């Protein structure tokens, strides 16, 4: 699968999960720049930049996110040094 197609698929999956859980998010950094300036991903970008409110530090929200992503075949990894999940 082409890199751009894979990234867009991951963004669509993420959008579905976050909407299902009622989590407000937005495109950020390079992803936002490409969407506004080029109406597409920046050609050399290889990630998705999203922003959300800090309430996602809530254990219950993380648990729900983890389960929702795992249901559709993703591995959920938290980089919070204080997270024990």
C-alpha atoms as a PDB file:
ATOM      1  CA  UNK A   1       0.000   0.000   0.000  1.00  0.00           C
ATOM      2  CA  UNK A   2       1.303   3.457  -0.895  1.00  0.00           C
ATOM      3  CA  UNK A   3       2.466   5.556   2.079  1.00  0.00           C
ATOM      4  CA  UNK A   4       0.005   8.395   1.428  1.00  0.00           C
ATOM      5  CA  UNK A   5      -2.897   5.937   1.118  1.00  0.00           C
ATOM      6  CA  UNK A   6      -1.890   4.243   4.379  1.00  0.00           C
ATOM      7  CA  UNK A   7      -1.645   7.562   6.242  1.00  0.00           C
ATOM      8  CA  UNK A   8      -5.060   8.676   4.958  1.00  0.00           C
ATOM      9  CA  UNK A   9      -6.554   5.292   5.958  1.00  0.00           C
ATOM     10  CA  UNK A  10      -5.106   5.666   9.449  1.00  0.00           C
ATOM     11  CA  UNK A  11      -6.494   9.206   9.683  1.00  0.00           C
ATOM     12  CA  UNK A  12      -9.953   7.970   8.621  1.00  0.00           C
ATOM     13  CA  UNK A  13      -9.804   5.156  11.203  1.00  0.00           C
ATOM     14  CA  UNK A  14      -8.691   7.591  13.904  1.00  0.00           C
ATOM     15  CA  UNK A  15     -11.488   9.982  12.982  1.00  0.00           C
ATOM     16  CA  UNK A  16     -14.031   7.155  13.302  1.00  0.00           C
ATOM     17  CA  UNK A  17     -12.733   6.114  16.731  1.00  0.00           C
ATOM     18  CA  UNK A  18     -12.567   9.653  18.104  1.00  0.00           C
ATOM     19  CA  UNK A  19     -16.041  10.535  16.814  1.00  0.00           C
ATOM     20  CA  UNK A  20     -17.457   7.299  18.248  1.00  0.00           C
ATOM     21  CA  UNK A  21     -16.027   8.215  21.654  1.00  0.00           C
ATOM     22  CA  UNK A  22     -17.081  11.872  21.409  1.00  0.00           C
ATOM     23  CA  UNK A  23     -13.498  13.171  21.560  1.00  0.00           C
ATOM     24  CA  UNK A  24     -12.909  16.592  20.017  1.00  0.00           C
ATOM     25  CA  UNK A  25      -9.678  16.807  18.025  1.00  0.00           C
ATOM     26  CA  UNK A  26      -8.134  18.856  15.244  1.00  0.00           C
ATOM     27  CA  UNK A  27      -5.421  18.568  12.622  1.00  0.00           C
ATOM     28  CA  UNK A  28      -2.194  20.186  13.806  1.00  0.00           C
ATOM     29  CA  UNK A  29       1.340  21.083  12.665  1.00  0.00           C
ATOM     30  CA  UNK A  30       2.382  19.640   9.267  1.00  0.00           C
ATOM     31  CA  UNK A  31      -0.914  17.822   8.727  1.00  0.00           C
ATOM     32  CA  UNK A  32      -2.832  21.075   9.155  1.00  0.00           C
ATOM     33  CA  UNK A  33      -0.372  22.991   6.975  1.00  0.00           C
ATOM     34  CA  UNK A  34      -0.744  20.490   4.133  1.00  0.00           C
ATOM     35  CA  UNK A  35      -4.536  20.459   4.427  1.00  0.00           C
ATOM     36  CA  UNK A  36      -4.791  24.259   4.289  1.00  0.00           C
ATOM     37  CA  UNK A  37      -1.956  25.118   1.903  1.00  0.00           C
ATOM     38  CA  UNK A  38      -1.994  22.154  -0.483  1.00  0.00           C
ATOM     39  CA  UNK A  39      -5.395  20.558   0.170  1.00  0.00           C
ATOM     40  CA  UNK A  40      -3.526  17.278   0.747  1.00  0.00           C
ATOM     41  CA  UNK A  41      -0.776  15.738   2.844  1.00  0.00           C
ATOM     42  CA  UNK A  42       2.657  17.283   2.455  1.00  0.00           C
ATOM     43  CA  UNK A  43       4.531  14.988   0.053  1.00  0.00           C
ATOM     44  CA  UNK A  44       7.434  14.222   2.428  1.00  0.00           C
ATOM     45  CA  UNK A  45       5.327  14.006   5.608  1.00  0.00           C
ATOM     46  CA  UNK A  46       5.174  10.521   7.114  1.00  0.00           C
ATOM     47  CA  UNK A  47       2.937  11.043  10.128  1.00  0.00           C
ATOM     48  CA  UNK A  48      -0.389  12.486  11.258  1.00  0.00           C
ATOM     49  CA  UNK A  49      -0.387  15.435  13.639  1.00  0.00           C
ATOM     50  CA  UNK A  50      -3.509  15.790  15.783  1.00  0.00           C
ATOM     51  CA  UNK A  51      -4.332  17.936  18.783  1.00  0.00           C
ATOM     52  CA  UNK A  52      -6.854  17.314  21.565  1.00  0.00           C
ATOM     53  CA  UNK A  53      -7.671  18.619  25.017  1.00  0.00           C
ATOM     54  CA  UNK A  54      -5.671  17.471  28.036  1.00  0.00           C
ATOM     55  CA  UNK A  55      -8.670  15.592  29.460  1.00  0.00           C
ATOM     56  CA  UNK A  56      -7.268  12.615  27.535  1.00  0.00           C
ATOM     57  CA  UNK A  57      -5.000  12.023  30.526  1.00  0.00           C
ATOM     58  CA  UNK A  58      -8.071  10.488  32.139  1.00  0.00           C
ATOM     59  CA  UNK A  59      -7.528   6.761  32.679  1.00  0.00           C
ATOM     60  CA  UNK A  60     -11.058   5.835  31.579  1.00  0.00           C
ATOM     61  CA  UNK A  61     -10.700   7.719  28.288  1.00  0.00           C
ATOM     62  CA  UNK A  62      -7.372   6.008  27.576  1.00  0.00           C
ATOM     63  CA  UNK A  63      -8.877   2.629  28.332  1.00  0.00           C
ATOM     64  CA  UNK A  64     -11.756   3.321  25.924  1.00  0.00           C
ATOM     65  CA  UNK A  65      -9.356   4.556  23.235  1.00  0.00           C
ATOM     66  CA  UNK A  66      -7.147   1.510  23.661  1.00  0.00           C
ATOM     67  CA  UNK A  67     -10.099  -0.845  23.290  1.00  0.00           C
ATOM     68  CA  UNK A  68     -11.568   0.995  20.285  1.00  0.00           C
ATOM     69  CA  UNK A  69      -8.269   1.016  18.382  1.00  0.00           C
ATOM     70  CA  UNK A  70      -7.517  -2.600  19.211  1.00  0.00           C
ATOM     71  CA  UNK A  71     -11.001  -3.594  17.944  1.00  0.00           C
ATOM     72  CA  UNK A  72     -10.029  -2.358  14.473  1.00  0.00           C
ATOM     73  CA  UNK A  73      -6.555  -3.912  14.491  1.00  0.00           C
ATOM     74  CA  UNK A  74      -4.276  -1.204  15.882  1.00  0.00           C
ATOM     75  CA  UNK A  75      -1.891  -1.318  18.804  1.00  0.00           C
ATOM     76  CA  UNK A  76      -2.421   1.542  21.258  1.00  0.00           C
ATOM     77  CA  UNK A  77       0.763   2.921  22.811  1.00  0.00           C
ATOM     78  CA  UNK A  78       0.786   5.716  25.390  1.00  0.00           C
ATOM     79  CA  UNK A  79       3.919   7.782  25.760  1.00  0.00           C
ATOM     80  CA  UNK A  80       2.949   9.363  29.071  1.00  0.00           C
ATOM     81  CA  UNK A  81       5.760   8.521  31.478  1.00  0.00           C
ATOM     82  CA  UNK A  82       3.226   8.345  34.327  1.00  0.00           C
ATOM     83  CA  UNK A  83       0.884   5.986  32.522  1.00  0.00           C
ATOM     84  CA  UNK A  84       0.793   2.433  33.780  1.00  0.00           C
ATOM     85  CA  UNK A  85      -1.754   1.122  31.230  1.00  0.00           C
END
